[in-house]
Amino acid sequence: MKGTISFGLHINCGSSLSLHGFINADWASSINDHKFIEACLVFFDTTLVSWKFNKLLIVARLSIKVEYKILANDTAEVLWLRYLLLDLCFCPGYVIIIWCNNLDAIHLSVNLIFHARKKVEYHFIYDRVVKKDIQIRFVSSKDQLVNVPTKLLSHSFFIHLQSRFM
C-alpha cells in the first residue's frame, strides 16, 4: 500500500444505478495454513459501497465447495444491499451482476442437474438466477478487482486494477 496515501474512495454519479458484486475465494495467498480468504467488493454504479475480506476458520478439501458457499453468502449480502437501497428510495437496476472467476461455481449456479442432491445454499443461488434477480458472470483473474487488496501484485498490474476504482 506504499505510495497510496493520497488515494481515496470516490463517489461518482452515473446513470445505470446498478449493483455489481466481485466475489472470490482464494487459498493460494495463505500458503502457511491453506485456509481460504473470502473477498467481496460491491459497487453501486461505479462507487464502491461495501467490501468484505475474511479468513475462513476451516481448511477445505474441495475448492469448488468453498467457492460456491462464499458465492451464496456474498450474494445474500448483495441482495440485502439492494433491498436497503429500495427502502431508501433508490431504484437499483433490476438484475444484480455478480462477477466470479471460478467457472465451476458459475456452471453450478445455472445447472439444475447439479442441484438434485445438494444443500440449501445451492438452491438459493439457482433460485435467484431463475428469478432473474442476479446474473453470475465470469471475470478473468486479471480483471478481478478483489485481487487488489488480497494478493501480491506487480506494480503495473496493481496500477491497472487500481485505475478501475477511480
Protein backbone atom coordinates (compact mmCIF):
# COMPACT_ATOMS: atom_id res chain seq x y z
CA MET A 1 0.00 0.00 0.00
CA LYS A 2 3.07 2.19 -0.04
CA GLY A 3 2.52 5.27 -2.16
CA THR A 4 -1.28 5.16 -1.93
CA ILE A 5 -1.77 7.62 0.94
CA SER A 6 -3.36 10.17 -1.42
CA PHE A 7 -5.88 7.68 -2.83
CA GLY A 8 -9.46 7.52 -1.63
CA LEU A 9 -12.88 6.22 -2.49
CA HIS A 10 -14.69 8.46 -4.93
CA ILE A 11 -18.45 8.77 -5.22
CA ASN A 12 -19.45 9.10 -8.84
CA CYS A 13 -22.91 9.87 -10.12
CA GLY A 14 -23.71 7.67 -13.07
CA SER A 15 -26.86 6.76 -14.88
CA SER A 16 -27.07 2.99 -14.56
CA LEU A 17 -27.54 2.74 -10.77
CA SER A 18 -26.77 -0.96 -10.92
CA LEU A 19 -25.26 -3.21 -8.27
CA HIS A 20 -22.18 -5.24 -9.14
CA GLY A 21 -20.52 -7.72 -6.81
CA PHE A 22 -16.98 -9.03 -7.30
CA ILE A 23 -16.57 -12.26 -5.35
CA ASN A 24 -13.56 -14.51 -4.90
CA ALA A 25 -12.23 -17.21 -2.60
CA ASP A 26 -8.53 -17.89 -2.58
CA TRP A 27 -6.23 -20.10 -0.56
CA ALA A 28 -3.06 -19.54 -2.59
CA SER A 29 -2.25 -16.33 -0.76
CA SER A 30 -2.31 -18.23 2.55
CA ILE A 31 0.43 -20.80 1.95
CA ASN A 32 1.16 -21.40 5.64
CA ASP A 33 -2.22 -22.77 6.70
CA HIS A 34 -4.16 -23.20 3.40
CA LYS A 35 -7.25 -21.53 4.80
CA PHE A 36 -9.38 -19.71 2.28
CA ILE A 37 -9.63 -15.95 2.15
CA GLU A 38 -13.09 -14.73 1.20
CA ALA A 39 -13.23 -11.43 -0.65
CA CYS A 40 -16.22 -9.41 -1.80
CA LEU A 41 -16.48 -5.91 -3.26
CA VAL A 42 -19.86 -4.34 -4.05
CA PHE A 43 -20.29 -1.36 -6.35
CA PHE A 44 -23.38 0.81 -6.71
CA ASP A 45 -22.91 2.06 -10.25
CA THR A 46 -19.18 2.90 -10.16
CA THR A 47 -18.92 3.65 -6.44
CA LEU A 48 -17.54 1.08 -4.01
CA VAL A 49 -20.17 0.80 -1.24
CA SER A 50 -19.29 -2.41 0.57
CA TRP A 51 -16.31 -4.69 1.00
CA LYS A 52 -15.52 -7.78 3.00
CA PHE A 53 -12.33 -9.77 3.49
CA ASN A 54 -12.45 -12.74 5.77
CA LYS A 55 -10.12 -15.63 6.51
CA LEU A 56 -12.15 -18.80 6.95
CA LEU A 57 -11.60 -20.87 10.06
CA ILE A 58 -11.53 -24.24 8.30
CA VAL A 59 -9.33 -25.94 5.74
CA ALA A 60 -11.43 -27.22 2.85
CA ARG A 61 -10.77 -30.27 0.75
CA LEU A 62 -12.72 -29.07 -2.29
CA SER A 63 -12.24 -25.53 -3.55
CA ILE A 64 -15.47 -25.59 -5.59
CA LYS A 65 -17.49 -26.23 -2.44
CA VAL A 66 -15.89 -23.26 -0.68
CA GLU A 67 -16.16 -21.01 -3.75
CA TYR A 68 -19.85 -21.79 -4.14
CA LYS A 69 -20.64 -21.37 -0.44
CA ILE A 70 -18.90 -17.98 -0.46
CA LEU A 71 -20.79 -17.10 -3.65
CA ALA A 72 -24.07 -17.90 -1.87
CA ASN A 73 -23.18 -15.94 1.30
CA ASP A 74 -21.95 -12.88 -0.55
CA THR A 75 -24.88 -12.94 -2.98
CA ALA A 76 -27.21 -12.80 0.01
CA GLU A 77 -25.36 -9.71 1.25
CA VAL A 78 -25.57 -8.03 -2.17
CA LEU A 79 -29.31 -8.76 -2.27
CA TRP A 80 -29.64 -7.24 1.20
CA LEU A 81 -27.94 -4.07 -0.10
CA ARG A 82 -30.42 -4.00 -2.97
CA TYR A 83 -33.36 -4.12 -0.52
CA LEU A 84 -31.73 -1.40 1.59
CA LEU A 85 -31.39 0.85 -1.48
CA LEU A 86 -35.04 0.21 -2.35
CA ASP A 87 -36.04 1.22 1.20
CA LEU A 88 -34.03 4.43 0.74
CA CYS A 89 -35.99 5.15 -2.48
CA PHE A 90 -33.11 4.35 -4.82
CA CYS A 91 -34.01 2.08 -7.68
CA PRO A 92 -31.02 -0.11 -8.41
CA GLY A 93 -31.02 -1.94 -11.73
CA TYR A 94 -33.30 -4.92 -11.91
CA VAL A 95 -30.57 -7.51 -12.25
CA ILE A 96 -27.58 -7.64 -9.95
CA ILE A 97 -24.38 -8.71 -11.70
CA ILE A 98 -22.13 -11.00 -9.66
CA TRP A 99 -18.63 -11.33 -11.09
CA CYS A 100 -16.80 -14.55 -10.25
CA ASN A 101 -13.57 -16.01 -11.64
CA ASN A 102 -14.45 -19.66 -10.93
CA LEU A 103 -16.14 -21.30 -13.92
CA ASP A 104 -17.16 -24.36 -11.89
CA ALA A 105 -19.10 -22.19 -9.45
CA ILE A 106 -20.76 -20.34 -12.33
CA HIS A 107 -21.80 -23.58 -14.06
CA LEU A 108 -23.09 -24.98 -10.77
CA SER A 109 -25.24 -21.88 -10.26
CA VAL A 110 -27.18 -22.27 -13.53
CA ASN A 111 -27.42 -26.05 -13.93
CA LEU A 112 -30.46 -27.74 -12.39
CA ILE A 113 -28.92 -31.23 -12.70
CA PHE A 114 -26.26 -30.40 -10.09
CA HIS A 115 -28.89 -29.28 -7.59
CA ALA A 116 -30.77 -32.55 -7.11
CA ARG A 117 -28.65 -33.75 -4.17
CA LYS A 118 -27.21 -30.50 -2.88
CA LYS A 119 -27.76 -28.41 0.22
CA VAL A 120 -29.80 -25.25 0.70
CA GLU A 121 -27.11 -22.77 -0.37
CA TYR A 122 -27.01 -24.42 -3.79
CA HIS A 123 -30.74 -23.94 -4.23
CA PHE A 124 -30.54 -20.32 -3.04
CA ILE A 125 -28.23 -19.24 -5.88
CA TYR A 126 -30.09 -21.27 -8.51
CA ASP A 127 -33.46 -19.80 -7.43
CA ARG A 128 -32.10 -16.25 -7.66
CA VAL A 129 -30.70 -16.91 -11.14
CA VAL A 130 -34.01 -18.42 -12.32
CA LYS A 131 -35.96 -15.46 -10.87
CA LYS A 132 -33.54 -13.15 -12.73
CA ASP A 133 -32.62 -11.33 -9.52
CA ILE A 134 -28.96 -11.97 -10.27
CA GLN A 135 -26.71 -12.86 -13.17
CA ILE A 136 -23.45 -14.59 -12.45
CA ARG A 137 -20.79 -13.70 -14.98
CA PHE A 138 -17.21 -14.74 -15.48
CA VAL A 139 -14.39 -12.31 -14.88
CA SER A 140 -10.83 -13.34 -15.59
CA SER A 141 -8.34 -13.28 -12.74
CA LYS A 142 -6.51 -10.40 -14.39
CA ASP A 143 -9.65 -8.24 -14.17
CA GLN A 144 -10.88 -9.48 -10.77
CA LEU A 145 -11.00 -6.36 -8.62
CA VAL A 146 -10.87 -8.22 -5.30
CA ASN A 147 -7.27 -9.17 -6.14
CA VAL A 148 -6.13 -5.63 -5.32
CA PRO A 149 -6.32 -5.96 -1.52
CA THR A 150 -5.87 -9.74 -1.26
CA LYS A 151 -2.94 -10.68 -3.50
CA LEU A 152 0.62 -9.68 -4.07
CA LEU A 153 0.57 -7.93 -7.43
CA SER A 154 3.23 -6.45 -9.65
CA HIS A 155 3.30 -2.66 -9.71
CA SER A 156 1.93 -2.42 -13.28
CA PHE A 157 -0.86 -4.93 -12.54
CA PHE A 158 -1.77 -3.08 -9.33
CA ILE A 159 -1.98 0.23 -11.24
CA HIS A 160 -4.15 -1.45 -13.92
CA LEU A 161 -6.68 -2.73 -11.36
CA GLN A 162 -6.46 0.34 -9.13
CA SER A 163 -7.42 2.56 -12.07
CA ARG A 164 -10.79 0.77 -12.19
CA PHE A 165 -11.59 2.14 -8.72
CA MET A 166 -11.12 5.74 -9.84
